[in-house]
Amino acid sequence: MKNFTYLLVLLFLSPLSLIIAQNSYIGAEACAMCHKTEKQGSQLSIWQNSKHSKAYETLKTEKANQIAKEKGFKTSAVETPECLKCHATGYNVDAKLIGKKFKVEDGVQCETCHGAGSAYKDMKVMKDRELAIKNGLTVHEKLEVFCKSCHNSESPTFVEMNVDEAWQKIKHNVPKTQN
């Protein structure tokens, strides 16, 4: 009976562990391979020119360290989980789920919003929206709710914002092709 129970557990966990292993973080550089051209919507340059791409860097400033100190943290801002949770992706992820090209220093990057990309990065998957979503691509139906998970009064530098206006500055849709 013990072996049977072990076999059942093994059979149940194996597919689950494969799914978990597939969804690792690949990094903005890997996403850029397909998302940098004008035809694709120039998503890379939109991100590079946004404050999101510099979010981690802001934690390295003296101002950020002062804010962390004023909030009672004993670590520098760049080492404080309460700061990192909105300024970086992957800072608290198991190293096994971090790809070779992933850099936490890239701040708020593709996979912050769209989920770990290893399972949906392939062109054949990305061309099929439903398949990409099944493989881990996150598409936010309630953008305001997601954005406000970081852009809220919990932030010591919070400034009220209109999510729709802010989105217009960083939206990065794939252009519709004309037939």
C-alpha atoms as a PDB file:
ATOM      1  CA  MET A   1       0.000   0.000   0.000  1.00  0.00           C
ATOM      2  CA  LYS A   2       2.884   2.346   0.810  1.00  0.00           C
ATOM      3  CA  ASN A   3       4.330   1.908  -2.693  1.00  0.00           C
ATOM      4  CA  PHE A   4       0.912   2.491  -4.256  1.00  0.00           C
ATOM      5  CA  THR A   5       0.511   5.762  -2.329  1.00  0.00           C
ATOM      6  CA  TYR A   6       4.014   6.802  -3.371  1.00  0.00           C
ATOM      7  CA  LEU A   7       3.192   6.047  -7.008  1.00  0.00           C
ATOM      8  CA  LEU A   8      -0.015   8.102  -6.844  1.00  0.00           C
ATOM      9  CA  VAL A   9       1.824  11.060  -5.316  1.00  0.00           C
ATOM     10  CA  LEU A  10       4.552  10.785  -7.929  1.00  0.00           C
ATOM     11  CA  LEU A  11       2.049  10.644 -10.790  1.00  0.00           C
ATOM     12  CA  PHE A  12       0.149  13.627  -9.404  1.00  0.00           C
ATOM     13  CA  LEU A  13       3.190  15.797  -8.722  1.00  0.00           C
ATOM     14  CA  SER A  14       5.140  15.061 -11.904  1.00  0.00           C
ATOM     15  CA  PRO A  15       2.858  16.999 -14.264  1.00  0.00           C
ATOM     16  CA  LEU A  16       2.641  19.791 -11.710  1.00  0.00           C
ATOM     17  CA  SER A  17       6.412  20.035 -11.418  1.00  0.00           C
ATOM     18  CA  LEU A  18       6.691  20.155 -15.219  1.00  0.00           C
ATOM     19  CA  ILE A  19       4.283  23.086 -15.348  1.00  0.00           C
ATOM     20  CA  ILE A  20       6.163  24.906 -12.621  1.00  0.00           C
ATOM     21  CA  ALA A  21       9.512  24.229 -14.319  1.00  0.00           C
ATOM     22  CA  GLN A  22       8.189  25.530 -17.635  1.00  0.00           C
ATOM     23  CA  ASN A  23       7.183  28.892 -16.222  1.00  0.00           C
ATOM     24  CA  SER A  24      10.533  30.449 -15.506  1.00  0.00           C
ATOM     25  CA  TYR A  25      11.559  34.054 -16.025  1.00  0.00           C
ATOM     26  CA  ILE A  26      13.451  34.688 -19.259  1.00  0.00           C
ATOM     27  CA  GLY A  27      14.067  38.447 -18.995  1.00  0.00           C
ATOM     28  CA  ALA A  28      13.377  41.513 -21.102  1.00  0.00           C
ATOM     29  CA  GLU A  29      16.308  40.752 -23.397  1.00  0.00           C
ATOM     30  CA  ALA A  30      14.723  37.462 -24.429  1.00  0.00           C
ATOM     31  CA  CYS A  31      11.328  39.109 -24.950  1.00  0.00           C
ATOM     32  CA  ALA A  32      13.016  41.813 -27.024  1.00  0.00           C
ATOM     33  CA  MET A  33      13.988  39.308 -29.686  1.00  0.00           C
ATOM     34  CA  CYS A  34      10.443  39.487 -31.059  1.00  0.00           C
ATOM     35  CA  HIS A  35       9.085  42.665 -29.511  1.00  0.00           C
ATOM     36  CA  LYS A  36      11.455  45.326 -30.782  1.00  0.00           C
ATOM     37  CA  THR A  37      10.345  45.930 -34.362  1.00  0.00           C
ATOM     38  CA  GLU A  38       7.917  48.606 -35.505  1.00  0.00           C
ATOM     39  CA  LYS A  39       5.836  45.889 -37.157  1.00  0.00           C
ATOM     40  CA  GLN A  40       5.461  44.239 -33.751  1.00  0.00           C
ATOM     41  CA  GLY A  41       4.635  47.543 -32.019  1.00  0.00           C
ATOM     42  CA  SER A  42       8.085  48.625 -30.781  1.00  0.00           C
ATOM     43  CA  GLN A  43       7.291  47.324 -27.297  1.00  0.00           C
ATOM     44  CA  LEU A  44      10.957  47.182 -26.301  1.00  0.00           C
ATOM     45  CA  SER A  45      11.620  50.866 -26.925  1.00  0.00           C
ATOM     46  CA  ILE A  46       8.339  51.860 -25.266  1.00  0.00           C
ATOM     47  CA  TRP A  47       9.437  49.982 -22.152  1.00  0.00           C
ATOM     48  CA  GLN A  48      13.043  51.257 -22.323  1.00  0.00           C
ATOM     49  CA  ASN A  49      11.774  54.836 -22.446  1.00  0.00           C
ATOM     50  CA  SER A  50       9.403  54.348 -19.520  1.00  0.00           C
ATOM     51  CA  LYS A  51       9.995  54.848 -15.821  1.00  0.00           C
ATOM     52  CA  HIS A  52       9.237  51.159 -15.344  1.00  0.00           C
ATOM     53  CA  SER A  53      12.569  50.189 -16.908  1.00  0.00           C
ATOM     54  CA  LYS A  54      14.350  52.476 -14.417  1.00  0.00           C
ATOM     55  CA  ALA A  55      12.350  51.394 -11.344  1.00  0.00           C
ATOM     56  CA  TYR A  56      15.139  49.277  -9.855  1.00  0.00           C
ATOM     57  CA  GLU A  57      17.708  52.022 -10.460  1.00  0.00           C
ATOM     58  CA  THR A  58      15.663  54.473  -8.374  1.00  0.00           C
ATOM     59  CA  LEU A  59      16.174  52.186  -5.382  1.00  0.00           C
ATOM     60  CA  LYS A  60      19.933  52.769  -5.608  1.00  0.00           C
ATOM     61  CA  THR A  61      19.576  56.494  -4.922  1.00  0.00           C
ATOM     62  CA  GLU A  62      20.268  58.299  -1.685  1.00  0.00           C
ATOM     63  CA  LYS A  63      16.677  59.593  -1.751  1.00  0.00           C
ATOM     64  CA  ALA A  64      15.352  56.016  -1.834  1.00  0.00           C
ATOM     65  CA  ASN A  65      17.637  55.030   1.047  1.00  0.00           C
ATOM     66  CA  GLN A  66      16.429  57.992   3.057  1.00  0.00           C
ATOM     67  CA  ILE A  67      12.795  57.027   2.448  1.00  0.00           C
ATOM     68  CA  ALA A  68      13.534  53.436   3.510  1.00  0.00           C
ATOM     69  CA  LYS A  69      15.232  54.692   6.667  1.00  0.00           C
ATOM     70  CA  GLU A  70      12.309  57.027   7.461  1.00  0.00           C
ATOM     71  CA  LYS A  71       9.934  54.058   7.074  1.00  0.00           C
ATOM     72  CA  GLY A  72      11.955  52.200   9.697  1.00  0.00           C
ATOM     73  CA  PHE A  73      13.793  49.761   7.447  1.00  0.00           C
ATOM     74  CA  LYS A  74      17.326  48.789   8.455  1.00  0.00           C
ATOM     75  CA  THR A  75      18.415  47.833   4.934  1.00  0.00           C
ATOM     76  CA  SER A  76      19.070  49.996   1.902  1.00  0.00           C
ATOM     77  CA  ALA A  77      16.089  50.492  -0.415  1.00  0.00           C
ATOM     78  CA  VAL A  78      17.548  48.110  -3.015  1.00  0.00           C
ATOM     79  CA  GLU A  79      17.695  45.373  -0.352  1.00  0.00           C
ATOM     80  CA  THR A  80      14.268  46.009   1.175  1.00  0.00           C
ATOM     81  CA  PRO A  81      11.506  43.599   0.083  1.00  0.00           C
ATOM     82  CA  GLU A  82       8.835  46.238   0.744  1.00  0.00           C
ATOM     83  CA  CYS A  83      10.525  48.446  -1.881  1.00  0.00           C
ATOM     84  CA  LEU A  84      11.504  45.678  -4.276  1.00  0.00           C
ATOM     85  CA  LYS A  85       7.955  44.311  -4.512  1.00  0.00           C
ATOM     86  CA  CYS A  86       7.024  47.232  -6.794  1.00  0.00           C
ATOM     87  CA  HIS A  87      10.413  48.141  -8.252  1.00  0.00           C
ATOM     88  CA  ALA A  88      11.696  44.767  -9.436  1.00  0.00           C
ATOM     89  CA  THR A  89      10.643  41.406 -10.763  1.00  0.00           C
ATOM     90  CA  GLY A  90      12.239  38.172  -9.642  1.00  0.00           C
ATOM     91  CA  TYR A  91      13.950  39.454  -6.488  1.00  0.00           C
ATOM     92  CA  ASN A  92      12.133  36.828  -4.401  1.00  0.00           C
ATOM     93  CA  VAL A  93      11.856  33.992  -6.931  1.00  0.00           C
ATOM     94  CA  ASP A  94      13.518  30.601  -6.528  1.00  0.00           C
ATOM     95  CA  ALA A  95      16.787  30.678  -8.490  1.00  0.00           C
ATOM     96  CA  LYS A  96      15.646  27.583 -10.433  1.00  0.00           C
ATOM     97  CA  LEU A  97      12.948  29.757 -12.019  1.00  0.00           C
ATOM     98  CA  ILE A  98      15.354  32.430 -13.241  1.00  0.00           C
ATOM     99  CA  GLY A  99      16.696  32.109 -16.774  1.00  0.00           C
ATOM    100  CA  LYS A 100      20.261  32.946 -17.825  1.00  0.00           C
ATOM    101  CA  LYS A 101      19.284  36.251 -19.450  1.00  0.00           C
ATOM    102  CA  PHE A 102      16.972  37.440 -16.682  1.00  0.00           C
ATOM    103  CA  LYS A 103      18.171  40.480 -14.728  1.00  0.00           C
ATOM    104  CA  VAL A 104      16.350  41.724 -11.647  1.00  0.00           C
ATOM    105  CA  GLU A 105      18.067  45.048 -12.383  1.00  0.00           C
ATOM    106  CA  ASP A 106      15.727  45.478 -15.365  1.00  0.00           C
ATOM    107  CA  GLY A 107      13.128  46.633 -12.845  1.00  0.00           C
ATOM    108  CA  VAL A 108       9.480  46.528 -13.819  1.00  0.00           C
ATOM    109  CA  GLN A 109       9.778  44.574 -17.029  1.00  0.00           C
ATOM    110  CA  CYS A 110       7.748  42.456 -19.429  1.00  0.00           C
ATOM    111  CA  GLU A 111       7.271  39.554 -17.044  1.00  0.00           C
ATOM    112  CA  THR A 112       6.203  41.818 -14.184  1.00  0.00           C
ATOM    113  CA  CYS A 113       2.920  42.359 -15.967  1.00  0.00           C
ATOM    114  CA  HIS A 114       2.739  39.403 -18.352  1.00  0.00           C
ATOM    115  CA  GLY A 115       4.009  36.566 -16.138  1.00  0.00           C
ATOM    116  CA  ALA A 116       7.067  34.321 -16.414  1.00  0.00           C
ATOM    117  CA  GLY A 117       7.614  33.787 -20.127  1.00  0.00           C
ATOM    118  CA  SER A 118       9.486  30.563 -20.732  1.00  0.00           C
ATOM    119  CA  ALA A 119       6.356  28.542 -21.526  1.00  0.00           C
ATOM    120  CA  TYR A 120       4.807  31.047 -23.920  1.00  0.00           C
ATOM    121  CA  LYS A 121       7.871  32.679 -25.529  1.00  0.00           C
ATOM    122  CA  ASP A 122       7.930  30.530 -28.674  1.00  0.00           C
ATOM    123  CA  MET A 123       6.602  32.199 -31.806  1.00  0.00           C
ATOM    124  CA  LYS A 124       4.106  29.415 -32.522  1.00  0.00           C
ATOM    125  CA  VAL A 125       2.639  29.862 -29.030  1.00  0.00           C
ATOM    126  CA  MET A 126       2.629  33.671 -29.110  1.00  0.00           C
ATOM    127  CA  LYS A 127       0.794  33.706 -32.448  1.00  0.00           C
ATOM    128  CA  ASP A 128      -2.131  31.929 -30.755  1.00  0.00           C
ATOM    129  CA  ARG A 129      -3.399  34.197 -27.948  1.00  0.00           C
ATOM    130  CA  GLU A 130      -5.421  31.436 -26.255  1.00  0.00           C
ATOM    131  CA  LEU A 131      -2.462  29.057 -26.338  1.00  0.00           C
ATOM    132  CA  ALA A 132      -0.156  31.762 -24.965  1.00  0.00           C
ATOM    133  CA  ILE A 133      -2.573  32.404 -22.101  1.00  0.00           C
ATOM    134  CA  LYS A 134      -2.815  28.656 -21.409  1.00  0.00           C
ATOM    135  CA  ASN A 135       0.977  28.646 -21.217  1.00  0.00           C
ATOM    136  CA  GLY A 136       1.157  31.456 -18.664  1.00  0.00           C
ATOM    137  CA  LEU A 137       0.787  34.742 -20.540  1.00  0.00           C
ATOM    138  CA  THR A 138      -1.063  37.143 -18.279  1.00  0.00           C
ATOM    139  CA  VAL A 139      -3.462  39.573 -19.923  1.00  0.00           C
ATOM    140  CA  HIS A 140      -5.008  42.006 -17.478  1.00  0.00           C
ATOM    141  CA  GLU A 141      -8.723  42.497 -17.967  1.00  0.00           C
ATOM    142  CA  LYS A 142      -8.839  44.957 -15.066  1.00  0.00           C
ATOM    143  CA  LEU A 143      -5.801  47.115 -15.780  1.00  0.00           C
ATOM    144  CA  GLU A 144      -6.604  49.645 -13.075  1.00  0.00           C
ATOM    145  CA  VAL A 145      -6.699  46.980 -10.366  1.00  0.00           C
ATOM    146  CA  PHE A 146      -3.345  45.576 -11.479  1.00  0.00           C
ATOM    147  CA  CYS A 147      -1.607  48.953 -11.810  1.00  0.00           C
ATOM    148  CA  LYS A 148      -2.865  50.084  -8.434  1.00  0.00           C
ATOM    149  CA  SER A 149      -1.312  47.043  -6.777  1.00  0.00           C
ATOM    150  CA  CYS A 150       1.863  49.183  -6.845  1.00  0.00           C
ATOM    151  CA  HIS A 151       0.635  52.671  -7.687  1.00  0.00           C
ATOM    152  CA  ASN A 152      -1.238  53.212  -4.418  1.00  0.00           C
ATOM    153  CA  SER A 153      -1.086  55.143  -1.157  1.00  0.00           C
ATOM    154  CA  GLU A 154       1.096  52.447   0.423  1.00  0.00           C
ATOM    155  CA  SER A 155       3.956  53.890  -1.633  1.00  0.00           C
ATOM    156  CA  PRO A 156       5.782  56.686   0.206  1.00  0.00           C
ATOM    157  CA  THR A 157       6.091  58.646  -3.047  1.00  0.00           C
ATOM    158  CA  PHE A 158       2.528  58.028  -4.235  1.00  0.00           C
ATOM    159  CA  VAL A 159       0.942  60.626  -6.465  1.00  0.00           C
ATOM    160  CA  GLU A 160      -2.680  60.140  -7.512  1.00  0.00           C
ATOM    161  CA  MET A 161      -2.850  59.148 -11.181  1.00  0.00           C
ATOM    162  CA  ASN A 162      -5.389  58.530 -13.857  1.00  0.00           C
ATOM    163  CA  VAL A 163      -4.663  54.963 -14.995  1.00  0.00           C
ATOM    164  CA  ASP A 164      -6.203  55.533 -18.436  1.00  0.00           C
ATOM    165  CA  GLU A 165      -3.963  58.569 -19.063  1.00  0.00           C
ATOM    166  CA  ALA A 166      -0.900  56.759 -17.716  1.00  0.00           C
ATOM    167  CA  TRP A 167      -1.667  53.730 -19.898  1.00  0.00           C
ATOM    168  CA  GLN A 168      -1.696  55.922 -23.012  1.00  0.00           C
ATOM    169  CA  LYS A 169       1.990  56.712 -22.320  1.00  0.00           C
ATOM    170  CA  ILE A 170       3.079  53.079 -22.030  1.00  0.00           C
ATOM    171  CA  LYS A 171       0.585  51.019 -24.015  1.00  0.00           C
ATOM    172  CA  HIS A 172       2.308  48.632 -26.364  1.00  0.00           C
ATOM    173  CA  ASN A 173      -0.211  46.758 -28.432  1.00  0.00           C
ATOM    174  CA  VAL A 174       0.747  44.769 -31.497  1.00  0.00           C
ATOM    175  CA  PRO A 175      -0.591  46.784 -34.445  1.00  0.00           C
ATOM    176  CA  LYS A 176      -3.449  45.241 -36.400  1.00  0.00           C
ATOM    177  CA  THR A 177      -2.210  44.020 -39.764  1.00  0.00           C
ATOM    178  CA  GLN A 178      -3.876  45.361 -42.840  1.00  0.00           C
ATOM    179  CA  ASN A 179      -4.911  42.893 -45.530  1.00  0.00           C
END
